[in-house]
Amino acid sequence: MVAVRRSFKFLMRPTRHRQIALAACLEDHRELYNAALEHRRTAYRKRPNFAH
């Protein structure tokens, strides 16, 4: 049996208010990701041979 993969593209047309909310959410997630990445890098520098 052959697996069929389908995909859909949804066009977003957010209102100005939603655009602002989405931009704020994106900024929050960017900051969180970068903080977590820096935390991992710092931990690795302290103990490079330690694996989680």
PDB file of N, CA and C in Angstrom:
ATOM      1  N   MET A   1       0.846  -1.175   0.000  1.00  0.00           N
ATOM      2  CA  MET A   1       0.000   0.000   0.000  1.00  0.00           C
ATOM      3  C   MET A   1       0.895   1.243   0.000  1.00  0.00           C
ATOM      4  N   VAL A   2       0.547   2.200  -0.802  1.00  0.00           N
ATOM      5  CA  VAL A   2       1.315   3.433  -0.925  1.00  0.00           C
ATOM      6  C   VAL A   2       0.690   4.506  -0.038  1.00  0.00           C
ATOM      7  N   ALA A   3       1.538   5.150   0.749  1.00  0.00           N
ATOM      8  CA  ALA A   3       1.049   6.231   1.603  1.00  0.00           C
ATOM      9  C   ALA A   3       0.906   7.500   0.771  1.00  0.00           C
ATOM     10  N   VAL A   4      -0.200   8.158   0.954  1.00  0.00           N
ATOM     11  CA  VAL A   4      -0.448   9.410   0.242  1.00  0.00           C
ATOM     12  C   VAL A   4      -0.334  10.546   1.239  1.00  0.00           C
ATOM     13  N   ARG A   5       0.499  11.481   0.905  1.00  0.00           N
ATOM     14  CA  ARG A   5       0.671  12.634   1.789  1.00  0.00           C
ATOM     15  C   ARG A   5       0.031  13.844   1.115  1.00  0.00           C
ATOM     16  N   ARG A   6      -0.907  14.431   1.808  1.00  0.00           N
ATOM     17  CA  ARG A   6      -1.572  15.613   1.272  1.00  0.00           C
ATOM     18  C   ARG A   6      -1.210  16.816   2.120  1.00  0.00           C
ATOM     19  N   SER A   7      -1.142  17.930   1.488  1.00  0.00           N
ATOM     20  CA  SER A   7      -0.856  19.153   2.236  1.00  0.00           C
ATOM     21  C   SER A   7      -1.814  20.248   1.784  1.00  0.00           C
ATOM     22  N   PHE A   8      -2.047  21.150   2.692  1.00  0.00           N
ATOM     23  CA  PHE A   8      -2.928  22.268   2.421  1.00  0.00           C
ATOM     24  C   PHE A   8      -2.231  23.549   2.823  1.00  0.00           C
ATOM     25  N   LYS A   9      -2.446  24.585   2.067  1.00  0.00           N
ATOM     26  CA  LYS A   9      -1.932  25.899   2.425  1.00  0.00           C
ATOM     27  C   LYS A   9      -3.126  26.778   2.766  1.00  0.00           C
ATOM     28  N   PHE A  10      -3.046  27.375   3.942  1.00  0.00           N
ATOM     29  CA  PHE A  10      -4.107  28.260   4.372  1.00  0.00           C
ATOM     30  C   PHE A  10      -3.605  29.692   4.305  1.00  0.00           C
ATOM     31  N   LEU A  11      -4.307  30.517   3.618  1.00  0.00           N
ATOM     32  CA  LEU A  11      -3.940  31.914   3.500  1.00  0.00           C
ATOM     33  C   LEU A  11      -4.476  32.662   4.717  1.00  0.00           C
ATOM     34  N   MET A  12      -3.575  33.296   5.425  1.00  0.00           N
ATOM     35  CA  MET A  12      -3.988  34.074   6.594  1.00  0.00           C
ATOM     36  C   MET A  12      -4.181  35.527   6.181  1.00  0.00           C
ATOM     37  N   ARG A  13      -5.277  36.068   6.580  1.00  0.00           N
ATOM     38  CA  ARG A  13      -5.533  37.492   6.379  1.00  0.00           C
ATOM     39  C   ARG A  13      -5.961  38.087   7.713  1.00  0.00           C
ATOM     40  N   PRO A  14      -5.005  38.192   8.627  1.00  0.00           N
ATOM     41  CA  PRO A  14      -5.366  38.681   9.958  1.00  0.00           C
ATOM     42  C   PRO A  14      -5.694  40.175   9.946  1.00  0.00           C
ATOM     43  N   THR A  15      -6.547  40.549  10.861  1.00  0.00           N
ATOM     44  CA  THR A  15      -6.856  41.964  11.032  1.00  0.00           C
ATOM     45  C   THR A  15      -5.634  42.652  11.622  1.00  0.00           C
ATOM     46  N   ARG A  16      -5.644  43.960  11.652  1.00  0.00           N
ATOM     47  CA  ARG A  16      -4.511  44.707  12.213  1.00  0.00           C
ATOM     48  C   ARG A  16      -4.289  44.311  13.668  1.00  0.00           C
ATOM     49  N   HIS A  17      -5.372  44.155  14.414  1.00  0.00           N
ATOM     50  CA  HIS A  17      -5.265  43.760  15.824  1.00  0.00           C
ATOM     51  C   HIS A  17      -4.608  42.385  15.950  1.00  0.00           C
ATOM     52  N   ARG A  18      -5.013  41.437  15.114  1.00  0.00           N
ATOM     53  CA  ARG A  18      -4.420  40.093  15.144  1.00  0.00           C
ATOM     54  C   ARG A  18      -2.956  40.121  14.702  1.00  0.00           C
ATOM     55  N   GLN A  19      -2.620  40.969  13.741  1.00  0.00           N
ATOM     56  CA  GLN A  19      -1.227  41.087  13.310  1.00  0.00           C
ATOM     57  C   GLN A  19      -0.341  41.513  14.473  1.00  0.00           C
ATOM     58  N   ILE A  20      -0.825  42.460  15.245  1.00  0.00           N
ATOM     59  CA  ILE A  20      -0.064  42.933  16.404  1.00  0.00           C
ATOM     60  C   ILE A  20       0.080  41.813  17.428  1.00  0.00           C
ATOM     61  N   ALA A  21      -1.011  41.084  17.677  1.00  0.00           N
ATOM     62  CA  ALA A  21      -0.971  39.977  18.640  1.00  0.00           C
ATOM     63  C   ALA A  21      -0.028  38.868  18.163  1.00  0.00           C
ATOM     64  N   LEU A  22      -0.065  38.533  16.885  1.00  0.00           N
ATOM     65  CA  LEU A  22       0.819  37.498  16.344  1.00  0.00           C
ATOM     66  C   LEU A  22       2.278  37.928  16.406  1.00  0.00           C
ATOM     67  N   ALA A  23       2.542  39.188  16.127  1.00  0.00           N
ATOM     68  CA  ALA A  23       3.914  39.695  16.198  1.00  0.00           C
ATOM     69  C   ALA A  23       4.436  39.635  17.632  1.00  0.00           C
ATOM     70  N   ALA A  24       3.584  39.963  18.602  1.00  0.00           N
ATOM     71  CA  ALA A  24       3.986  39.896  20.010  1.00  0.00           C
ATOM     72  C   ALA A  24       4.257  38.452  20.422  1.00  0.00           C
ATOM     73  N   CYS A  25       3.417  37.534  19.969  1.00  0.00           N
ATOM     74  CA  CYS A  25       3.602  36.112  20.282  1.00  0.00           C
ATOM     75  C   CYS A  25       4.904  35.601  19.663  1.00  0.00           C
ATOM     76  N   LEU A  26       5.166  35.977  18.434  1.00  0.00           N
ATOM     77  CA  LEU A  26       6.400  35.571  17.770  1.00  0.00           C
ATOM     78  C   LEU A  26       7.619  36.106  18.511  1.00  0.00           C
ATOM     79  N   GLU A  27       7.560  37.347  18.951  1.00  0.00           N
ATOM     80  CA  GLU A  27       8.668  37.949  19.695  1.00  0.00           C
ATOM     81  C   GLU A  27       8.910  37.204  21.007  1.00  0.00           C
ATOM     82  N   ASP A  28       7.824  36.872  21.716  1.00  0.00           N
ATOM     83  CA  ASP A  28       7.956  36.122  22.973  1.00  0.00           C
ATOM     84  C   ASP A  28       8.624  34.771  22.739  1.00  0.00           C
ATOM     85  N   HIS A  29       8.195  34.070  21.697  1.00  0.00           N
ATOM     86  CA  HIS A  29       8.765  32.756  21.407  1.00  0.00           C
ATOM     87  C   HIS A  29      10.220  32.856  20.957  1.00  0.00           C
ATOM     88  N   ARG A  30      10.545  33.898  20.226  1.00  0.00           N
ATOM     89  CA  ARG A  30      11.933  34.109  19.810  1.00  0.00           C
ATOM     90  C   ARG A  30      12.825  34.315  21.023  1.00  0.00           C
ATOM     91  N   GLU A  31      12.361  35.145  21.954  1.00  0.00           N
ATOM     92  CA  GLU A  31      13.141  35.395  23.165  1.00  0.00           C
ATOM     93  C   GLU A  31      13.300  34.119  23.995  1.00  0.00           C
ATOM     94  N   LEU A  32      12.227  33.345  24.120  1.00  0.00           N
ATOM     95  CA  LEU A  32      12.280  32.095  24.874  1.00  0.00           C
ATOM     96  C   LEU A  32      13.252  31.109  24.229  1.00  0.00           C
ATOM     97  N   TYR A  33      13.179  30.952  22.911  1.00  0.00           N
ATOM     98  CA  TYR A  33      14.073  30.037  22.206  1.00  0.00           C
ATOM     99  C   TYR A  33      15.528  30.450  22.394  1.00  0.00           C
ATOM    100  N   ASN A  34      15.806  31.729  22.219  1.00  0.00           N
ATOM    101  CA  ASN A  34      17.181  32.204  22.347  1.00  0.00           C
ATOM    102  C   ASN A  34      17.700  32.047  23.771  1.00  0.00           C
ATOM    103  N   ALA A  35      16.849  32.262  24.768  1.00  0.00           N
ATOM    104  CA  ALA A  35      17.265  32.075  26.160  1.00  0.00           C
ATOM    105  C   ALA A  35      17.573  30.603  26.432  1.00  0.00           C
ATOM    106  N   ALA A  36      16.729  29.703  25.923  1.00  0.00           N
ATOM    107  CA  ALA A  36      16.960  28.270  26.114  1.00  0.00           C
ATOM    108  C   ALA A  36      18.239  27.830  25.401  1.00  0.00           C
ATOM    109  N   LEU A  37      18.470  28.352  24.214  1.00  0.00           N
ATOM    110  CA  LEU A  37      19.681  28.020  23.473  1.00  0.00           C
ATOM    111  C   LEU A  37      20.923  28.496  24.222  1.00  0.00           C
ATOM    112  N   GLU A  38      20.873  29.695  24.743  1.00  0.00           N
ATOM    113  CA  GLU A  38      22.006  30.216  25.509  1.00  0.00           C
ATOM    114  C   GLU A  38      22.243  29.380  26.769  1.00  0.00           C
ATOM    115  N   HIS A  39      21.162  28.949  27.402  1.00  0.00           N
ATOM    116  CA  HIS A  39      21.269  28.099  28.595  1.00  0.00           C
ATOM    117  C   HIS A  39      21.980  26.790  28.260  1.00  0.00           C
ATOM    118  N   ARG A  40      21.596  26.165  27.145  1.00  0.00           N
ATOM    119  CA  ARG A  40      22.227  24.907  26.728  1.00  0.00           C
ATOM    120  C   ARG A  40      23.701  25.127  26.386  1.00  0.00           C
ATOM    121  N   ARG A  41      24.002  26.216  25.705  1.00  0.00           N
ATOM    122  CA  ARG A  41      25.396  26.497  25.351  1.00  0.00           C
ATOM    123  C   ARG A  41      26.244  26.709  26.594  1.00  0.00           C
ATOM    124  N   THR A  42      25.709  27.439  27.547  1.00  0.00           N
ATOM    125  CA  THR A  42      26.433  27.681  28.797  1.00  0.00           C
ATOM    126  C   THR A  42      26.664  26.371  29.539  1.00  0.00           C
ATOM    127  N   ALA A  43      25.636  25.538  29.614  1.00  0.00           N
ATOM    128  CA  ALA A  43      25.767  24.250  30.292  1.00  0.00           C
ATOM    129  C   ALA A  43      26.813  23.381  29.595  1.00  0.00           C
ATOM    130  N   TYR A  44      26.836  23.407  28.268  1.00  0.00           N
ATOM    131  CA  TYR A  44      27.814  22.597  27.538  1.00  0.00           C
ATOM    132  C   TYR A  44      29.235  23.099  27.785  1.00  0.00           C
ATOM    133  N   ARG A  45      29.395  24.413  27.839  1.00  0.00           N
ATOM    134  CA  ARG A  45      30.733  24.967  28.092  1.00  0.00           C
ATOM    135  C   ARG A  45      31.245  24.546  29.467  1.00  0.00           C
ATOM    136  N   LYS A  46      30.342  24.443  30.430  1.00  0.00           N
ATOM    137  CA  LYS A  46      30.747  24.054  31.782  1.00  0.00           C
ATOM    138  C   LYS A  46      31.097  22.572  31.850  1.00  0.00           C
ATOM    139  N   ARG A  47      30.310  21.736  31.164  1.00  0.00           N
ATOM    140  CA  ARG A  47      30.533  20.285  31.190  1.00  0.00           C
ATOM    141  C   ARG A  47      30.342  19.713  29.792  1.00  0.00           C
ATOM    142  N   PRO A  48      31.342  19.804  28.930  1.00  0.00           N
ATOM    143  CA  PRO A  48      31.181  19.370  27.536  1.00  0.00           C
ATOM    144  C   PRO A  48      30.936  17.873  27.361  1.00  0.00           C
ATOM    145  N   ASN A  49      31.322  17.056  28.313  1.00  0.00           N
ATOM    146  CA  ASN A  49      31.147  15.607  28.167  1.00  0.00           C
ATOM    147  C   ASN A  49      29.879  15.088  28.822  1.00  0.00           C
ATOM    148  N   PHE A  50      29.095  15.969  29.391  1.00  0.00           N
ATOM    149  CA  PHE A  50      27.873  15.562  30.078  1.00  0.00           C
ATOM    150  C   PHE A  50      26.730  15.472  29.075  1.00  0.00           C
ATOM    151  N   ALA A  51      26.069  14.326  29.028  1.00  0.00           N
ATOM    152  CA  ALA A  51      24.940  14.140  28.109  1.00  0.00           C
ATOM    153  C   ALA A  51      23.651  13.996  28.907  1.00  0.00           C
ATOM    154  N   HIS A  52      22.583  14.567  28.395  1.00  0.00           N
ATOM    155  CA  HIS A  52      21.275  14.467  29.063  1.00  0.00           C
ATOM    156  C   HIS A  52      20.492  13.323  28.517  1.00  0.00           C
TER     157      HIS A  52
END
